[in-house]
Amino acid sequence: MKKTSLAVLSIFAIFCVWMIGYAIVSSPLLLPSPLDVFRALFRLFANGRSLLAIGMTLFRLLLAMAIALILGGSLGILAGFKSGFSQFFSPIVTIFRTVPVISIIVILLILFGFKLTPYLITFLMIFPLIYQAFHDGIRNVDSELVDVYKLEDNRTITGLRFCYLPLMKNEIETVMMQSAGLGIKVLVMAEYLSQTRNSIGNSLYLAKINLAYDEVFAWTILLIVLAVIFETVINHFKHMKQKTVLANLPKKSITD
């Protein structure tokens, strides 16, 4: 209850600062009023083209996240078990994490064109996070718990499914929230620069050149809401899965 009250108070403070700023600037072209922005936000949901743009952007994000999870998770697990592969792949991941986003976007636009760039840049930004989370998760699993499990089943596949991955649950959930937040930002930026059709980024660009700054603010608020929804959904699944191997392993060892 206290956290909710503080969150509401924080939002109210932002709203007050916004109202004060609007009163000082006194120009909708520079800073639109909250009322105009919320009207523009409702117009977005009443516009079929805007709904299509939201749907396509979410599709691109989820597709990039799914591929990054499969590939990054698999390579991260392999690197966690194999030190040689970890040392070989480490420079590649470091390059992806340190190269400026705008540089990668420009390179991808030149190499792959406008259609594929949003997918690729989102994947490349999310992939290092997921890879590192799985890599560190495998390395940081308590060896004593793994030894207890190996007494019952020494197969790699079942070990991953029933031992390693459940013990890494918190790391996986955290990196998925980070990936969703980072992914939506990078994806919209790529859509904006590449002028991807049926996208939030392109809608932002059109609103800017048409001087519809209330729509720019409305799209920005929508992106914030989407990021919050992703985090809420992941947290919901986190609370649903209460049963973990961490709680079950000692019981099995005692009964045996």
Protein backbone atom coordinates (compact mmCIF):
# COMPACT_ATOMS: atom_id res chain seq x y z
CA MET A 1 0.00 0.00 0.00
CA LYS A 2 2.81 2.35 0.91
CA LYS A 3 4.62 1.63 -2.37
CA THR A 4 1.43 2.33 -4.34
CA SER A 5 0.89 5.62 -2.51
CA LEU A 6 4.46 6.72 -3.18
CA ALA A 7 4.10 5.80 -6.86
CA VAL A 8 0.89 7.82 -7.14
CA LEU A 9 2.55 10.74 -5.36
CA SER A 10 5.49 10.57 -7.77
CA ILE A 11 3.18 10.63 -10.80
CA PHE A 12 1.25 13.54 -9.31
CA ALA A 13 4.52 15.45 -8.78
CA ILE A 14 5.47 14.91 -12.43
CA PHE A 15 2.03 16.13 -13.48
CA CYS A 16 2.43 19.27 -11.35
CA VAL A 17 5.84 20.02 -12.86
CA TRP A 18 4.34 19.53 -16.31
CA MET A 19 1.50 21.96 -15.55
CA ILE A 20 3.93 24.55 -14.19
CA GLY A 21 6.16 24.16 -17.25
CA TYR A 22 3.18 24.56 -19.57
CA ALA A 23 2.09 27.71 -17.72
CA ILE A 24 5.59 29.20 -17.98
CA VAL A 25 6.22 28.29 -21.63
CA SER A 26 2.63 29.09 -22.68
CA SER A 27 3.09 27.60 -26.15
CA PRO A 28 1.54 24.29 -27.31
CA LEU A 29 4.16 24.06 -30.05
CA LEU A 30 6.91 23.82 -27.44
CA LEU A 31 5.15 22.08 -24.55
CA PRO A 32 1.57 20.85 -25.02
CA SER A 33 -0.82 20.80 -22.10
CA PRO A 34 -1.57 17.51 -20.30
CA LEU A 35 -5.20 17.74 -21.44
CA ASP A 36 -4.19 17.99 -25.13
CA VAL A 37 -1.78 15.08 -24.73
CA PHE A 38 -4.39 12.81 -23.14
CA ARG A 39 -6.84 13.72 -25.88
CA ALA A 40 -4.21 12.77 -28.46
CA LEU A 41 -3.59 9.53 -26.56
CA PHE A 42 -7.27 8.58 -26.80
CA ARG A 43 -7.23 9.44 -30.50
CA LEU A 44 -4.44 6.94 -31.02
CA PHE A 45 -6.60 4.10 -29.76
CA ALA A 46 -9.47 5.23 -31.97
CA ASN A 47 -7.27 5.23 -35.08
CA GLY A 48 -6.87 1.93 -36.91
CA ARG A 49 -3.52 2.96 -38.40
CA SER A 50 -2.14 3.76 -34.94
CA LEU A 51 -3.32 0.40 -33.60
CA LEU A 52 -1.62 -1.33 -36.53
CA ALA A 53 1.61 0.57 -35.77
CA ILE A 54 1.47 -0.51 -32.11
CA GLY A 55 0.78 -4.12 -33.06
CA MET A 56 3.62 -4.30 -35.58
CA THR A 57 6.12 -2.71 -33.19
CA LEU A 58 5.16 -5.19 -30.46
CA PHE A 59 5.48 -8.03 -32.97
CA ARG A 60 8.99 -6.93 -33.92
CA LEU A 61 9.97 -6.62 -30.26
CA LEU A 62 8.63 -10.03 -29.26
CA LEU A 63 10.20 -11.72 -32.29
CA ALA A 64 13.61 -10.17 -31.59
CA MET A 65 13.35 -11.08 -27.90
CA ALA A 66 12.37 -14.68 -28.71
CA ILE A 67 15.31 -15.17 -31.08
CA ALA A 68 17.70 -13.49 -28.63
CA LEU A 69 16.42 -15.69 -25.80
CA ILE A 70 16.87 -18.89 -27.78
CA LEU A 71 20.27 -18.04 -29.27
CA GLY A 72 21.67 -16.02 -26.36
CA GLY A 73 20.41 -18.51 -23.79
CA SER A 74 21.86 -21.49 -25.66
CA LEU A 75 25.26 -19.88 -26.19
CA GLY A 76 25.28 -18.54 -22.62
CA ILE A 77 24.64 -22.02 -21.22
CA LEU A 78 27.36 -23.48 -23.45
CA ALA A 79 29.81 -20.77 -22.35
CA GLY A 80 28.87 -21.37 -18.72
CA PHE A 81 29.88 -25.02 -18.99
CA LYS A 82 32.83 -24.60 -21.36
CA SER A 83 35.51 -22.10 -20.29
CA GLY A 84 37.23 -22.24 -23.68
CA PHE A 85 34.09 -21.21 -25.53
CA SER A 86 33.47 -18.48 -22.95
CA GLN A 87 36.92 -16.98 -23.57
CA PHE A 88 36.47 -17.23 -27.35
CA PHE A 89 33.02 -15.57 -27.35
CA SER A 90 33.73 -12.91 -24.72
CA PRO A 91 35.27 -10.34 -27.14
CA ILE A 92 32.29 -10.66 -29.49
CA VAL A 93 29.81 -9.94 -26.70
CA THR A 94 31.96 -7.05 -25.48
CA ILE A 95 31.88 -5.47 -28.95
CA PHE A 96 28.07 -5.70 -29.08
CA ARG A 97 27.79 -4.11 -25.62
CA THR A 98 30.21 -1.23 -26.21
CA VAL A 99 29.62 -0.11 -29.80
CA PRO A 100 27.28 2.95 -29.86
CA VAL A 101 23.73 2.09 -30.89
CA ILE A 102 23.59 4.76 -33.58
CA SER A 103 26.74 3.36 -35.21
CA ILE A 104 25.25 -0.12 -35.40
CA ILE A 105 21.99 1.24 -36.81
CA VAL A 106 23.82 3.13 -39.59
CA ILE A 107 25.95 0.07 -40.46
CA LEU A 108 22.90 -2.20 -40.54
CA LEU A 109 20.96 0.27 -42.68
CA ILE A 110 23.80 0.23 -45.21
CA LEU A 111 24.18 -3.56 -45.19
CA PHE A 112 20.60 -4.83 -44.80
CA GLY A 113 18.30 -1.97 -45.73
CA PHE A 114 15.31 -0.51 -43.96
CA LYS A 115 13.10 -3.58 -43.46
CA LEU A 116 15.49 -5.83 -41.52
CA THR A 117 17.36 -3.18 -39.49
CA PRO A 118 14.77 -2.77 -36.68
CA TYR A 119 14.76 -6.52 -36.06
CA LEU A 120 18.54 -6.85 -36.21
CA ILE A 121 19.41 -3.88 -34.00
CA THR A 122 16.91 -4.96 -31.34
CA PHE A 123 18.32 -8.47 -31.37
CA LEU A 124 21.92 -7.24 -31.17
CA MET A 125 21.15 -5.00 -28.18
CA ILE A 126 19.25 -7.69 -26.26
CA PHE A 127 21.48 -10.64 -27.10
CA PRO A 128 24.49 -9.65 -24.90
CA LEU A 129 22.23 -9.16 -21.86
CA ILE A 130 20.64 -12.58 -22.21
CA TYR A 131 23.92 -14.30 -23.04
CA GLN A 132 25.63 -12.81 -19.97
CA ALA A 133 22.72 -13.65 -17.68
CA PHE A 134 22.73 -17.33 -18.67
CA HIS A 135 26.53 -17.49 -18.62
CA ASP A 136 26.79 -16.00 -15.13
CA GLY A 137 23.78 -17.99 -13.94
CA ILE A 138 25.42 -21.30 -14.86
CA ARG A 139 28.71 -20.24 -13.29
CA ASN A 140 27.10 -19.01 -10.05
CA VAL A 141 24.88 -22.01 -9.33
CA ASP A 142 25.78 -23.55 -5.98
CA SER A 143 27.96 -26.58 -6.74
CA GLU A 144 26.71 -28.42 -3.66
CA LEU A 145 23.12 -28.28 -4.91
CA VAL A 146 24.26 -29.52 -8.31
CA ASP A 147 26.11 -32.42 -6.66
CA VAL A 148 22.97 -33.38 -4.74
CA TYR A 149 20.99 -33.47 -7.99
CA LYS A 150 23.68 -35.49 -9.78
CA LEU A 151 23.28 -38.22 -7.19
CA GLU A 152 19.79 -38.81 -8.60
CA ASP A 153 20.22 -37.94 -12.27
CA ASN A 154 23.48 -37.17 -14.03
CA ARG A 155 22.03 -36.38 -17.45
CA THR A 156 22.79 -32.90 -18.84
CA ILE A 157 19.34 -32.20 -20.34
CA THR A 158 17.39 -33.09 -17.21
CA GLY A 159 19.99 -31.32 -15.11
CA LEU A 160 19.38 -28.12 -17.04
CA ARG A 161 15.61 -28.49 -16.86
CA PHE A 162 15.20 -29.47 -13.22
CA CYS A 163 18.30 -28.04 -11.57
CA TYR A 164 20.19 -25.24 -13.34
CA LEU A 165 17.31 -23.32 -14.95
CA PRO A 166 15.08 -23.27 -11.82
CA LEU A 167 18.03 -22.05 -9.76
CA MET A 168 18.65 -19.33 -12.38
CA LYS A 169 15.00 -18.21 -12.40
CA ASN A 170 15.62 -14.83 -10.77
CA GLU A 171 18.44 -13.97 -13.19
CA ILE A 172 16.32 -14.98 -16.19
CA GLU A 173 13.31 -12.95 -15.05
CA THR A 174 15.49 -9.91 -14.37
CA VAL A 175 17.19 -10.02 -17.75
CA MET A 176 13.84 -10.41 -19.54
CA MET A 177 12.55 -7.24 -17.86
CA GLN A 178 15.76 -5.43 -18.83
CA SER A 179 15.51 -6.75 -22.38
CA ALA A 180 11.91 -5.59 -22.77
CA GLY A 181 12.74 -2.09 -21.53
CA LEU A 182 15.89 -1.72 -23.61
CA GLY A 183 14.36 -3.45 -26.62
CA ILE A 184 11.38 -1.12 -26.96
CA LYS A 185 13.66 1.94 -26.77
CA VAL A 186 16.13 0.67 -29.34
CA LEU A 187 13.43 -0.67 -31.64
CA VAL A 188 11.49 2.61 -31.78
CA MET A 189 14.74 4.50 -32.43
CA ALA A 190 15.56 2.16 -35.31
CA GLU A 191 12.03 2.48 -36.69
CA TYR A 192 12.31 6.26 -36.48
CA LEU A 193 15.64 6.39 -38.32
CA SER A 194 14.77 3.76 -40.93
CA GLN A 195 11.22 5.09 -41.46
CA THR A 196 9.74 1.63 -41.00
CA ARG A 197 6.16 1.48 -42.24
CA ASN A 198 3.44 0.68 -39.70
CA SER A 199 5.55 1.39 -36.65
CA ILE A 200 5.57 3.60 -33.57
CA GLY A 201 8.89 5.10 -34.66
CA ASN A 202 7.48 6.19 -38.01
CA SER A 203 4.37 7.57 -36.28
CA LEU A 204 6.60 9.64 -34.01
CA TYR A 205 8.46 10.97 -37.05
CA LEU A 206 5.24 11.95 -38.82
CA ALA A 207 3.94 13.65 -35.68
CA LYS A 208 7.17 15.65 -35.41
CA ILE A 209 7.27 16.88 -38.98
CA ASN A 210 3.57 17.83 -38.75
CA LEU A 211 4.29 19.80 -35.55
CA ALA A 212 1.76 17.62 -33.69
CA TYR A 213 3.72 17.68 -30.44
CA ASP A 214 0.71 16.51 -28.44
CA GLU A 215 0.91 13.26 -30.44
CA VAL A 216 4.67 13.06 -29.79
CA PHE A 217 3.99 13.24 -26.05
CA ALA A 218 1.10 10.78 -26.41
CA TRP A 219 3.30 8.21 -28.16
CA THR A 220 5.95 8.73 -25.47
CA ILE A 221 3.44 8.06 -22.71
CA LEU A 222 2.25 4.98 -24.58
CA LEU A 223 5.81 3.63 -24.74
CA ILE A 224 6.19 4.12 -20.99
CA VAL A 225 2.92 2.26 -20.40
CA LEU A 226 4.06 -0.61 -22.64
CA ALA A 227 7.32 -0.94 -20.71
CA VAL A 228 5.38 -1.01 -17.42
CA ILE A 229 3.02 -3.67 -18.81
CA PHE A 230 5.93 -5.89 -19.83
CA GLU A 231 7.44 -5.59 -16.36
CA THR A 232 4.08 -6.32 -14.71
CA VAL A 233 3.47 -9.42 -16.83
CA ILE A 234 6.93 -10.83 -16.09
CA ASN A 235 6.49 -10.14 -12.38
CA HIS A 236 3.11 -11.89 -12.51
CA PHE A 237 4.68 -15.06 -13.88
CA LYS A 238 7.45 -14.71 -11.33
CA HIS A 239 4.98 -14.83 -8.44
CA MET A 240 3.04 -17.71 -10.00
CA LYS A 241 6.07 -19.99 -9.99
CA GLN A 242 6.75 -20.46 -6.31
CA LYS A 243 7.94 -24.07 -6.45
CA THR A 244 11.71 -24.26 -7.05
CA VAL A 245 14.38 -26.90 -6.97
CA LEU A 246 16.13 -24.91 -4.25
CA ALA A 247 13.34 -25.90 -1.86
CA ASN A 248 13.03 -29.48 -3.10
CA LEU A 249 16.61 -30.67 -3.31
CA PRO A 250 17.23 -30.95 0.47
CA LYS A 251 13.95 -32.86 0.89
CA LYS A 252 14.94 -35.39 -1.75
CA SER A 253 18.34 -35.89 -0.23
CA ILE A 254 16.81 -36.47 3.21
CA THR A 255 14.19 -38.99 2.04
CA ASP A 256 16.79 -40.94 0.13
